[in-house]
Amino acid sequence: MGNSSHKGLSKEVIRQLKKESDFSEKEIKEWYEEYHQSKKGSYLTVKEFKDVYSKMYGADAGQFAEHVFRTFDTNRDGKVDFREFLIGLSVTSTDNIDQKLRWAFTMYDVDGDGTISRKEMLDMMASIYRMTPSIVKPPDVATPEMMATKLFGNIDKNGDGSITWQEFQMGAKADPLALNMLQLNPDPQ
């Protein structure tokens, strides 16, 4: 009865996942298949997560994948179960700008102190640039350092050296380049 690869997904689990994500039952089952093909045990480890990203981008995506893993691992147990994976995907693929920016802010705020420092911004830009070497960047943001400086200058409105959620949200919405980079769409075109 039913596809054996969906055994771990009862009707109740699917119903709950539909409530918590923007995915249909069919999409949930498809992601369940993908998730189970990517892991060796009963959850994704950071190494497996990094392997998936490296295959997707064909470049050095390890550091970036670690940042994404951290945001997906909502219970901070060092592993991503299917529910965390699906909810994370739902947020990263949403059309809701505020929800996606909130997620991105969490990723950029590596130390979790509620602000983004210059170093955190630079570290994120460096990981994005390593992951996307084939994307041609405009001359004024040709390096991660240039991009981080530009974003920081456009977003840190009070000049205090850190970016709050409010600055992040307002700055991203006011600048198309910032919106693309902060939503992790590194193609500045």
N, C-alpha and C. Protein backbone atom coordinates (compact mmCIF):
# COMPACT_ATOMS: atom_id res chain seq x y z
N MET A 1 0.83 -1.18 0.00
CA MET A 1 0.00 0.00 0.00
C MET A 1 0.88 1.25 0.00
N GLY A 2 0.84 2.01 -1.09
CA GLY A 2 1.62 3.24 -1.15
C GLY A 2 3.07 2.99 -1.48
N ASN A 3 3.78 4.02 -1.79
CA ASN A 3 5.19 3.95 -2.10
C ASN A 3 5.98 3.75 -0.81
N SER A 4 6.82 2.72 -0.78
CA SER A 4 7.55 2.40 0.45
C SER A 4 8.50 3.51 0.87
N SER A 5 8.94 4.33 -0.07
CA SER A 5 9.86 5.40 0.31
C SER A 5 9.15 6.52 1.07
N HIS A 6 7.82 6.48 1.10
CA HIS A 6 7.06 7.48 1.85
C HIS A 6 6.57 6.95 3.19
N LYS A 7 7.08 5.78 3.61
CA LYS A 7 6.61 5.16 4.85
C LYS A 7 6.71 6.09 6.05
N GLY A 8 7.73 6.92 6.11
CA GLY A 8 7.91 7.81 7.25
C GLY A 8 6.97 9.01 7.24
N LEU A 9 6.17 9.13 6.20
CA LEU A 9 5.26 10.26 6.08
C LEU A 9 3.81 9.80 6.18
N SER A 10 3.28 9.83 7.36
CA SER A 10 1.87 9.49 7.54
C SER A 10 1.02 10.64 7.01
N LYS A 11 -0.24 10.40 6.82
CA LYS A 11 -1.18 11.45 6.38
C LYS A 11 -1.15 12.62 7.37
N GLU A 12 -1.06 12.30 8.66
CA GLU A 12 -1.03 13.34 9.69
C GLU A 12 0.24 14.20 9.57
N VAL A 13 1.39 13.54 9.34
CA VAL A 13 2.65 14.27 9.19
C VAL A 13 2.58 15.17 7.95
N ILE A 14 2.06 14.63 6.87
CA ILE A 14 1.93 15.43 5.64
C ILE A 14 1.00 16.62 5.88
N ARG A 15 -0.10 16.40 6.53
CA ARG A 15 -1.05 17.48 6.83
C ARG A 15 -0.36 18.57 7.65
N GLN A 16 0.40 18.18 8.65
CA GLN A 16 1.12 19.14 9.49
C GLN A 16 2.18 19.90 8.68
N LEU A 17 2.92 19.19 7.83
CA LEU A 17 3.95 19.83 7.02
C LEU A 17 3.34 20.81 6.01
N LYS A 18 2.16 20.50 5.50
CA LYS A 18 1.47 21.42 4.60
C LYS A 18 1.12 22.72 5.33
N LYS A 19 0.75 22.61 6.60
CA LYS A 19 0.43 23.80 7.41
C LYS A 19 1.67 24.64 7.68
N GLU A 20 2.82 23.97 7.89
CA GLU A 20 4.04 24.66 8.28
C GLU A 20 4.87 25.16 7.10
N SER A 21 4.52 24.74 5.90
CA SER A 21 5.31 25.12 4.73
C SER A 21 4.38 25.63 3.63
N ASP A 22 4.99 26.02 2.54
CA ASP A 22 4.22 26.45 1.37
C ASP A 22 4.13 25.34 0.33
N PHE A 23 4.40 24.11 0.72
CA PHE A 23 4.44 23.01 -0.23
C PHE A 23 3.15 22.20 -0.25
N SER A 24 2.84 21.66 -1.42
CA SER A 24 1.70 20.76 -1.59
C SER A 24 2.09 19.35 -1.12
N GLU A 25 1.12 18.47 -1.01
CA GLU A 25 1.42 17.08 -0.63
C GLU A 25 2.38 16.44 -1.62
N LYS A 26 2.15 16.67 -2.90
CA LYS A 26 3.02 16.11 -3.94
C LYS A 26 4.46 16.63 -3.77
N GLU A 27 4.60 17.93 -3.56
CA GLU A 27 5.93 18.52 -3.39
C GLU A 27 6.62 17.99 -2.13
N ILE A 28 5.85 17.82 -1.06
CA ILE A 28 6.41 17.28 0.19
C ILE A 28 6.96 15.89 -0.06
N LYS A 29 6.21 15.07 -0.77
CA LYS A 29 6.68 13.70 -1.08
C LYS A 29 7.92 13.73 -1.97
N GLU A 30 7.96 14.66 -2.92
CA GLU A 30 9.14 14.78 -3.79
C GLU A 30 10.37 15.21 -2.99
N TRP A 31 10.18 16.18 -2.09
CA TRP A 31 11.30 16.63 -1.25
C TRP A 31 11.72 15.53 -0.29
N TYR A 32 10.77 14.73 0.16
CA TYR A 32 11.08 13.60 1.05
C TYR A 32 12.02 12.63 0.32
N GLU A 33 11.71 12.35 -0.94
CA GLU A 33 12.57 11.48 -1.76
C GLU A 33 13.98 12.07 -1.86
N GLU A 34 14.05 13.36 -2.21
CA GLU A 34 15.33 14.04 -2.38
C GLU A 34 16.13 14.03 -1.07
N TYR A 35 15.45 14.33 0.01
CA TYR A 35 16.08 14.35 1.33
C TYR A 35 16.69 12.99 1.65
N HIS A 36 15.94 11.93 1.43
CA HIS A 36 16.42 10.59 1.77
C HIS A 36 17.53 10.10 0.86
N GLN A 37 17.61 10.64 -0.33
CA GLN A 37 18.72 10.28 -1.21
C GLN A 37 20.01 10.99 -0.81
N SER A 38 19.90 12.08 -0.07
CA SER A 38 21.06 12.90 0.30
C SER A 38 21.72 12.50 1.60
N LYS A 39 21.09 11.65 2.39
CA LYS A 39 21.62 11.34 3.72
C LYS A 39 21.94 9.87 3.86
N LYS A 40 22.78 9.57 4.82
CA LYS A 40 23.15 8.18 5.10
C LYS A 40 22.39 7.62 6.30
N GLY A 41 22.15 8.44 7.30
CA GLY A 41 21.44 8.01 8.50
C GLY A 41 20.00 8.49 8.49
N SER A 42 19.49 8.81 9.67
CA SER A 42 18.10 9.23 9.78
C SER A 42 17.95 10.75 9.71
N TYR A 43 19.02 11.47 9.45
CA TYR A 43 19.00 12.93 9.36
C TYR A 43 20.20 13.37 8.51
N LEU A 44 20.21 14.63 8.08
CA LEU A 44 21.34 15.19 7.35
C LEU A 44 22.36 15.76 8.32
N THR A 45 23.61 15.41 8.11
CA THR A 45 24.71 15.99 8.87
C THR A 45 25.22 17.22 8.12
N VAL A 46 26.03 18.02 8.74
CA VAL A 46 26.59 19.19 8.08
C VAL A 46 27.45 18.75 6.89
N LYS A 47 28.16 17.64 7.00
CA LYS A 47 28.98 17.16 5.89
C LYS A 47 28.10 16.79 4.70
N GLU A 48 27.01 16.07 4.96
CA GLU A 48 26.10 15.69 3.87
C GLU A 48 25.46 16.94 3.25
N PHE A 49 25.11 17.89 4.09
CA PHE A 49 24.52 19.13 3.61
C PHE A 49 25.51 19.86 2.70
N LYS A 50 26.79 19.91 3.11
CA LYS A 50 27.82 20.55 2.31
C LYS A 50 28.02 19.81 0.98
N ASP A 51 27.95 18.49 1.01
CA ASP A 51 28.08 17.70 -0.22
C ASP A 51 26.96 18.03 -1.20
N VAL A 52 25.73 18.17 -0.70
CA VAL A 52 24.59 18.51 -1.56
C VAL A 52 24.83 19.87 -2.21
N TYR A 53 25.25 20.86 -1.44
CA TYR A 53 25.49 22.19 -1.98
C TYR A 53 26.63 22.19 -2.99
N SER A 54 27.68 21.44 -2.72
CA SER A 54 28.80 21.38 -3.64
C SER A 54 28.37 20.76 -4.97
N LYS A 55 27.51 19.77 -4.93
CA LYS A 55 26.99 19.16 -6.17
C LYS A 55 26.11 20.16 -6.91
N MET A 56 25.29 20.90 -6.18
CA MET A 56 24.39 21.86 -6.81
C MET A 56 25.16 22.98 -7.50
N TYR A 57 26.20 23.49 -6.86
CA TYR A 57 26.91 24.65 -7.38
C TYR A 57 28.19 24.31 -8.11
N GLY A 58 28.70 23.10 -7.94
CA GLY A 58 29.92 22.71 -8.61
C GLY A 58 31.11 23.59 -8.25
N ALA A 59 31.04 24.21 -7.11
CA ALA A 59 32.10 25.11 -6.67
C ALA A 59 32.29 24.93 -5.17
N ASP A 60 33.08 25.80 -4.57
CA ASP A 60 33.35 25.72 -3.14
C ASP A 60 32.17 26.30 -2.37
N ALA A 61 31.20 25.45 -2.08
CA ALA A 61 29.99 25.88 -1.39
C ALA A 61 30.00 25.49 0.08
N GLY A 62 31.09 24.92 0.57
CA GLY A 62 31.14 24.39 1.93
C GLY A 62 30.83 25.39 3.02
N GLN A 63 31.47 26.55 2.99
CA GLN A 63 31.25 27.54 4.04
C GLN A 63 29.82 28.08 3.97
N PHE A 64 29.35 28.35 2.78
CA PHE A 64 27.99 28.84 2.62
C PHE A 64 27.00 27.79 3.12
N ALA A 65 27.22 26.53 2.77
CA ALA A 65 26.33 25.45 3.20
C ALA A 65 26.29 25.35 4.73
N GLU A 66 27.42 25.61 5.38
CA GLU A 66 27.44 25.59 6.85
C GLU A 66 26.51 26.67 7.42
N HIS A 67 26.50 27.83 6.78
CA HIS A 67 25.61 28.91 7.24
C HIS A 67 24.14 28.52 7.04
N VAL A 68 23.83 27.94 5.88
CA VAL A 68 22.46 27.52 5.62
C VAL A 68 22.06 26.41 6.60
N PHE A 69 22.96 25.46 6.81
CA PHE A 69 22.70 24.37 7.75
C PHE A 69 22.34 24.92 9.13
N ARG A 70 23.10 25.91 9.57
CA ARG A 70 22.85 26.52 10.88
C ARG A 70 21.43 27.07 10.98
N THR A 71 20.94 27.68 9.89
CA THR A 71 19.58 28.24 9.94
C THR A 71 18.51 27.16 9.83
N PHE A 72 18.81 26.08 9.13
CA PHE A 72 17.85 24.98 9.02
C PHE A 72 17.76 24.19 10.32
N ASP A 73 18.88 24.06 11.03
CA ASP A 73 18.94 23.29 12.28
C ASP A 73 18.33 24.10 13.42
N THR A 74 17.02 24.22 13.40
CA THR A 74 16.34 25.12 14.33
C THR A 74 16.42 24.69 15.80
N ASN A 75 16.57 23.39 16.05
CA ASN A 75 16.67 22.95 17.45
C ASN A 75 18.13 22.84 17.92
N ARG A 76 19.07 23.23 17.04
CA ARG A 76 20.50 23.30 17.37
C ARG A 76 21.09 21.98 17.88
N ASP A 77 20.64 20.86 17.28
CA ASP A 77 21.18 19.57 17.70
C ASP A 77 22.28 19.05 16.78
N GLY A 78 22.70 19.87 15.81
CA GLY A 78 23.79 19.47 14.92
C GLY A 78 23.36 18.58 13.78
N LYS A 79 22.07 18.45 13.56
CA LYS A 79 21.56 17.64 12.44
C LYS A 79 20.24 18.25 11.96
N VAL A 80 19.94 17.97 10.70
CA VAL A 80 18.71 18.50 10.11
C VAL A 80 17.80 17.33 9.76
N ASP A 81 16.67 17.27 10.46
CA ASP A 81 15.69 16.23 10.14
C ASP A 81 14.82 16.70 8.98
N PHE A 82 13.93 15.84 8.51
CA PHE A 82 13.14 16.19 7.33
C PHE A 82 12.27 17.41 7.55
N ARG A 83 11.66 17.52 8.71
CA ARG A 83 10.81 18.68 8.99
C ARG A 83 11.62 19.98 8.91
N GLU A 84 12.79 20.02 9.55
CA GLU A 84 13.64 21.21 9.50
C GLU A 84 14.05 21.52 8.06
N PHE A 85 14.40 20.47 7.32
CA PHE A 85 14.80 20.61 5.93
C PHE A 85 13.67 21.23 5.10
N LEU A 86 12.48 20.70 5.24
CA LEU A 86 11.34 21.17 4.46
C LEU A 86 10.96 22.61 4.83
N ILE A 87 10.92 22.91 6.11
CA ILE A 87 10.58 24.26 6.56
C ILE A 87 11.64 25.25 6.06
N GLY A 88 12.91 24.86 6.16
CA GLY A 88 13.98 25.71 5.66
C GLY A 88 13.85 25.98 4.17
N LEU A 89 13.57 24.94 3.40
CA LEU A 89 13.37 25.12 1.96
C LEU A 89 12.18 26.02 1.68
N SER A 90 11.14 25.86 2.43
CA SER A 90 9.94 26.68 2.25
C SER A 90 10.26 28.15 2.44
N VAL A 91 11.02 28.46 3.47
CA VAL A 91 11.38 29.85 3.74
C VAL A 91 12.31 30.39 2.67
N THR A 92 13.29 29.60 2.25
CA THR A 92 14.25 30.09 1.26
C THR A 92 13.64 30.25 -0.12
N SER A 93 12.55 29.56 -0.39
CA SER A 93 11.93 29.65 -1.72
C SER A 93 10.66 30.49 -1.73
N THR A 94 10.31 31.09 -0.62
CA THR A 94 9.08 31.87 -0.55
C THR A 94 9.16 33.15 -1.38
N ASP A 95 8.02 33.63 -1.79
CA ASP A 95 7.93 34.93 -2.45
C ASP A 95 7.72 36.05 -1.44
N ASN A 96 7.54 35.69 -0.17
CA ASN A 96 7.32 36.67 0.89
C ASN A 96 8.68 37.30 1.24
N ILE A 97 8.89 38.53 0.77
CA ILE A 97 10.17 39.21 0.94
C ILE A 97 10.57 39.34 2.41
N ASP A 98 9.62 39.75 3.27
CA ASP A 98 9.96 39.93 4.68
C ASP A 98 10.38 38.62 5.33
N GLN A 99 9.67 37.54 5.01
CA GLN A 99 10.01 36.23 5.58
C GLN A 99 11.39 35.78 5.10
N LYS A 100 11.65 35.97 3.83
CA LYS A 100 12.95 35.56 3.28
C LYS A 100 14.07 36.43 3.84
N LEU A 101 13.81 37.73 3.98
CA LEU A 101 14.83 38.60 4.56
C LEU A 101 15.08 38.26 6.03
N ARG A 102 14.05 37.89 6.76
CA ARG A 102 14.22 37.50 8.17
C ARG A 102 15.14 36.28 8.25
N TRP A 103 14.90 35.31 7.37
CA TRP A 103 15.75 34.12 7.32
C TRP A 103 17.19 34.52 6.97
N ALA A 104 17.36 35.37 5.95
CA ALA A 104 18.70 35.79 5.54
C ALA A 104 19.40 36.53 6.68
N PHE A 105 18.65 37.38 7.39
CA PHE A 105 19.25 38.11 8.52
C PHE A 105 19.79 37.12 9.54
N THR A 106 19.03 36.08 9.83
CA THR A 106 19.46 35.05 10.78
C THR A 106 20.74 34.39 10.30
N MET A 107 20.85 34.18 9.00
CA MET A 107 22.05 33.54 8.47
C MET A 107 23.25 34.49 8.54
N TYR A 108 23.06 35.74 8.19
CA TYR A 108 24.15 36.71 8.24
C TYR A 108 24.59 36.99 9.68
N ASP A 109 23.67 36.94 10.62
CA ASP A 109 23.97 37.17 12.03
C ASP A 109 24.55 35.88 12.62
N VAL A 110 25.76 35.58 12.24
CA VAL A 110 26.39 34.29 12.56
C VAL A 110 26.45 34.04 14.06
N ASP A 111 26.78 35.04 14.86
CA ASP A 111 26.92 34.83 16.30
C ASP A 111 25.58 34.93 17.05
N GLY A 112 24.52 35.27 16.34
CA GLY A 112 23.20 35.28 16.95
C GLY A 112 22.95 36.41 17.94
N ASP A 113 23.71 37.51 17.84
CA ASP A 113 23.55 38.59 18.81
C ASP A 113 22.49 39.63 18.41
N GLY A 114 21.81 39.40 17.29
CA GLY A 114 20.75 40.31 16.85
C GLY A 114 21.22 41.43 15.95
N THR A 115 22.51 41.44 15.60
CA THR A 115 23.05 42.43 14.66
C THR A 115 24.05 41.74 13.74
N ILE A 116 24.32 42.40 12.62
CA ILE A 116 25.32 41.90 11.67
C ILE A 116 26.52 42.84 11.72
N SER A 117 27.67 42.28 12.04
CA SER A 117 28.91 43.07 12.08
C SER A 117 29.52 43.12 10.68
N ARG A 118 30.50 44.00 10.53
CA ARG A 118 31.23 44.07 9.25
C ARG A 118 31.89 42.73 8.94
N LYS A 119 32.46 42.10 9.95
CA LYS A 119 33.13 40.80 9.74
C LYS A 119 32.12 39.74 9.30
N GLU A 120 30.97 39.70 9.93
CA GLU A 120 29.94 38.74 9.52
C GLU A 120 29.52 38.98 8.08
N MET A 121 29.33 40.23 7.70
CA MET A 121 28.95 40.56 6.32
C MET A 121 30.04 40.11 5.35
N LEU A 122 31.29 40.41 5.69
CA LEU A 122 32.41 40.01 4.83
C LEU A 122 32.50 38.49 4.72
N ASP A 123 32.35 37.79 5.83
CA ASP A 123 32.41 36.32 5.80
C ASP A 123 31.32 35.75 4.90
N MET A 124 30.11 36.32 4.98
CA MET A 124 29.01 35.84 4.13
C MET A 124 29.30 36.13 2.66
N MET A 125 29.77 37.33 2.37
CA MET A 125 30.08 37.68 0.97
C MET A 125 31.19 36.78 0.43
N ALA A 126 32.20 36.51 1.24
CA ALA A 126 33.29 35.64 0.81
C ALA A 126 32.76 34.24 0.49
N SER A 127 31.86 33.72 1.32
CA SER A 127 31.33 32.38 1.07
C SER A 127 30.44 32.37 -0.18
N ILE A 128 29.70 33.43 -0.41
CA ILE A 128 28.85 33.51 -1.62
C ILE A 128 29.72 33.64 -2.87
N TYR A 129 30.74 34.45 -2.83
CA TYR A 129 31.61 34.62 -3.99
C TYR A 129 32.37 33.33 -4.30
N ARG A 130 32.81 32.59 -3.27
CA ARG A 130 33.48 31.30 -3.50
C ARG A 130 32.54 30.31 -4.16
N MET A 131 31.27 30.38 -3.79
CA MET A 131 30.29 29.44 -4.30
C MET A 131 29.85 29.78 -5.73
N THR A 132 29.99 31.04 -6.12
CA THR A 132 29.49 31.49 -7.42
C THR A 132 30.59 32.16 -8.25
N PRO A 133 31.71 31.47 -8.48
CA PRO A 133 32.81 32.13 -9.18
C PRO A 133 32.50 32.47 -10.64
N SER A 134 31.57 31.78 -11.26
CA SER A 134 31.29 32.02 -12.68
C SER A 134 30.36 33.20 -12.92
N ILE A 135 29.72 33.70 -11.87
CA ILE A 135 28.85 34.86 -12.04
C ILE A 135 29.71 36.11 -12.13
N VAL A 136 29.52 36.85 -13.20
CA VAL A 136 30.29 38.08 -13.41
C VAL A 136 29.71 39.18 -12.54
N LYS A 137 30.58 39.76 -11.72
CA LYS A 137 30.16 40.83 -10.81
C LYS A 137 30.53 42.18 -11.43
N PRO A 138 29.71 43.20 -11.22
CA PRO A 138 30.06 44.54 -11.70
C PRO A 138 31.38 45.00 -11.08
N PRO A 139 32.14 45.87 -11.78
CA PRO A 139 33.45 46.30 -11.29
C PRO A 139 33.44 46.89 -9.88
N ASP A 140 32.36 47.58 -9.50
CA ASP A 140 32.33 48.22 -8.18
C ASP A 140 32.10 47.23 -7.04
N VAL A 141 31.75 45.97 -7.38
CA VAL A 141 31.57 44.92 -6.37
C VAL A 141 32.24 43.62 -6.84
N ALA A 142 33.41 43.76 -7.46
CA ALA A 142 34.11 42.62 -8.05
C ALA A 142 34.66 41.64 -7.01
N THR A 143 34.85 42.11 -5.79
CA THR A 143 35.39 41.24 -4.75
C THR A 143 34.42 41.19 -3.57
N PRO A 144 34.54 40.17 -2.74
CA PRO A 144 33.68 40.11 -1.55
C PRO A 144 33.85 41.33 -0.65
N GLU A 145 35.09 41.82 -0.55
CA GLU A 145 35.36 42.99 0.28
C GLU A 145 34.62 44.22 -0.23
N MET A 146 34.64 44.41 -1.56
CA MET A 146 33.96 45.54 -2.17
C MET A 146 32.44 45.43 -1.96
N MET A 147 31.91 44.22 -2.13
CA MET A 147 30.47 44.02 -1.95
C MET A 147 30.08 44.27 -0.50
N ALA A 148 30.84 43.72 0.43
CA ALA A 148 30.52 43.90 1.85
C ALA A 148 30.57 45.38 2.23
N THR A 149 31.59 46.10 1.74
CA THR A 149 31.71 47.53 2.03
C THR A 149 30.52 48.30 1.46
N LYS A 150 30.15 47.97 0.22
CA LYS A 150 29.02 48.66 -0.41
C LYS A 150 27.72 48.38 0.34
N LEU A 151 27.47 47.11 0.64
CA LEU A 151 26.24 46.76 1.36
C LEU A 151 26.20 47.43 2.73
N PHE A 152 27.32 47.36 3.42
CA PHE A 152 27.36 47.96 4.76
C PHE A 152 27.10 49.46 4.69
N GLY A 153 27.71 50.12 3.72
CA GLY A 153 27.52 51.55 3.56
C GLY A 153 26.08 51.92 3.25
N ASN A 154 25.40 51.07 2.47
CA ASN A 154 24.01 51.35 2.10
C ASN A 154 23.02 50.99 3.20
N ILE A 155 23.37 50.07 4.08
CA ILE A 155 22.40 49.55 5.04
C ILE A 155 22.59 50.09 6.45
N ASP A 156 23.85 50.27 6.88
CA ASP A 156 24.12 50.74 8.24
C ASP A 156 23.86 52.25 8.32
N LYS A 157 22.59 52.61 8.37
CA LYS A 157 22.18 54.02 8.26
C LYS A 157 22.69 54.89 9.41
N ASN A 158 22.80 54.34 10.60
CA ASN A 158 23.26 55.17 11.72
C ASN A 158 24.78 55.13 11.88
N GLY A 159 25.46 54.35 11.04
CA GLY A 159 26.92 54.33 11.04
C GLY A 159 27.57 53.78 12.29
N ASP A 160 26.86 52.93 13.02
CA ASP A 160 27.42 52.43 14.28
C ASP A 160 28.26 51.16 14.12
N GLY A 161 28.43 50.69 12.88
CA GLY A 161 29.27 49.51 12.66
C GLY A 161 28.54 48.19 12.80
N SER A 162 27.24 48.23 12.98
CA SER A 162 26.46 46.99 13.00
C SER A 162 25.10 47.26 12.36
N ILE A 163 24.52 46.19 11.83
CA ILE A 163 23.24 46.29 11.13
C ILE A 163 22.19 45.58 11.95
N THR A 164 21.14 46.31 12.30
CA THR A 164 20.00 45.72 13.02
C THR A 164 19.03 45.11 12.01
N TRP A 165 18.06 44.36 12.51
CA TRP A 165 17.03 43.79 11.64
C TRP A 165 16.31 44.91 10.88
N GLN A 166 15.96 45.99 11.55
CA GLN A 166 15.23 47.07 10.90
C GLN A 166 16.07 47.70 9.78
N GLU A 167 17.35 47.93 10.03
CA GLU A 167 18.23 48.48 8.99
C GLU A 167 18.35 47.51 7.82
N PHE A 168 18.50 46.24 8.15
CA PHE A 168 18.64 45.18 7.14
C PHE A 168 17.41 45.16 6.24
N GLN A 169 16.25 45.14 6.84
CA GLN A 169 15.00 45.06 6.11
C GLN A 169 14.79 46.31 5.24
N MET A 170 14.96 47.47 5.83
CA MET A 170 14.76 48.72 5.09
C MET A 170 15.82 48.89 3.99
N GLY A 171 17.06 48.58 4.31
CA GLY A 171 18.15 48.72 3.34
C GLY A 171 17.98 47.80 2.15
N ALA A 172 17.57 46.57 2.40
CA ALA A 172 17.38 45.62 1.32
C ALA A 172 16.25 46.05 0.39
N LYS A 173 15.19 46.55 0.98
CA LYS A 173 14.04 46.95 0.16
C LYS A 173 14.32 48.22 -0.64
N ALA A 174 15.28 49.03 -0.20
CA ALA A 174 15.58 50.29 -0.88
C ALA A 174 16.62 50.15 -1.98
N ASP A 175 17.33 49.02 -2.03
CA ASP A 175 18.45 48.86 -2.97
C ASP A 175 18.35 47.50 -3.66
N PRO A 176 18.10 47.46 -4.98
CA PRO A 176 17.96 46.18 -5.70
C PRO A 176 19.17 45.26 -5.56
N LEU A 177 20.38 45.83 -5.60
CA LEU A 177 21.58 45.01 -5.43
C LEU A 177 21.60 44.39 -4.04
N ALA A 178 21.31 45.19 -3.04
CA ALA A 178 21.27 44.67 -1.66
C ALA A 178 20.20 43.60 -1.54
N LEU A 179 19.04 43.83 -2.12
CA LEU A 179 17.97 42.84 -2.03
C LEU A 179 18.40 41.52 -2.64
N ASN A 180 19.03 41.56 -3.81
CA ASN A 180 19.51 40.33 -4.43
C ASN A 180 20.53 39.62 -3.56
N MET A 181 21.52 40.34 -3.07
CA MET A 181 22.58 39.71 -2.29
C MET A 181 22.05 39.23 -0.93
N LEU A 182 21.22 40.02 -0.29
CA LEU A 182 20.75 39.66 1.04
C LEU A 182 19.73 38.51 1.00
N GLN A 183 19.06 38.35 -0.14
CA GLN A 183 18.15 37.21 -0.31
C GLN A 183 18.92 36.00 -0.85
N LEU A 184 20.23 36.18 -1.01
CA LEU A 184 21.12 35.13 -1.47
C LEU A 184 20.86 34.76 -2.91
N ASN A 185 20.60 35.77 -3.71
CA ASN A 185 20.53 35.64 -5.16
C ASN A 185 21.73 36.41 -5.68
N PRO A 186 22.89 35.73 -5.77
CA PRO A 186 24.13 36.44 -6.00
C PRO A 186 24.34 36.94 -7.43
N ASP A 187 23.38 36.79 -8.31
CA ASP A 187 23.52 37.32 -9.66
C ASP A 187 23.01 38.74 -9.65
N PRO A 188 23.91 39.73 -9.63
CA PRO A 188 23.49 41.13 -9.47
C PRO A 188 22.83 41.72 -10.70
N GLN A 189 22.61 40.96 -11.73
CA GLN A 189 21.96 41.46 -12.95
C GLN A 189 20.52 41.82 -12.69
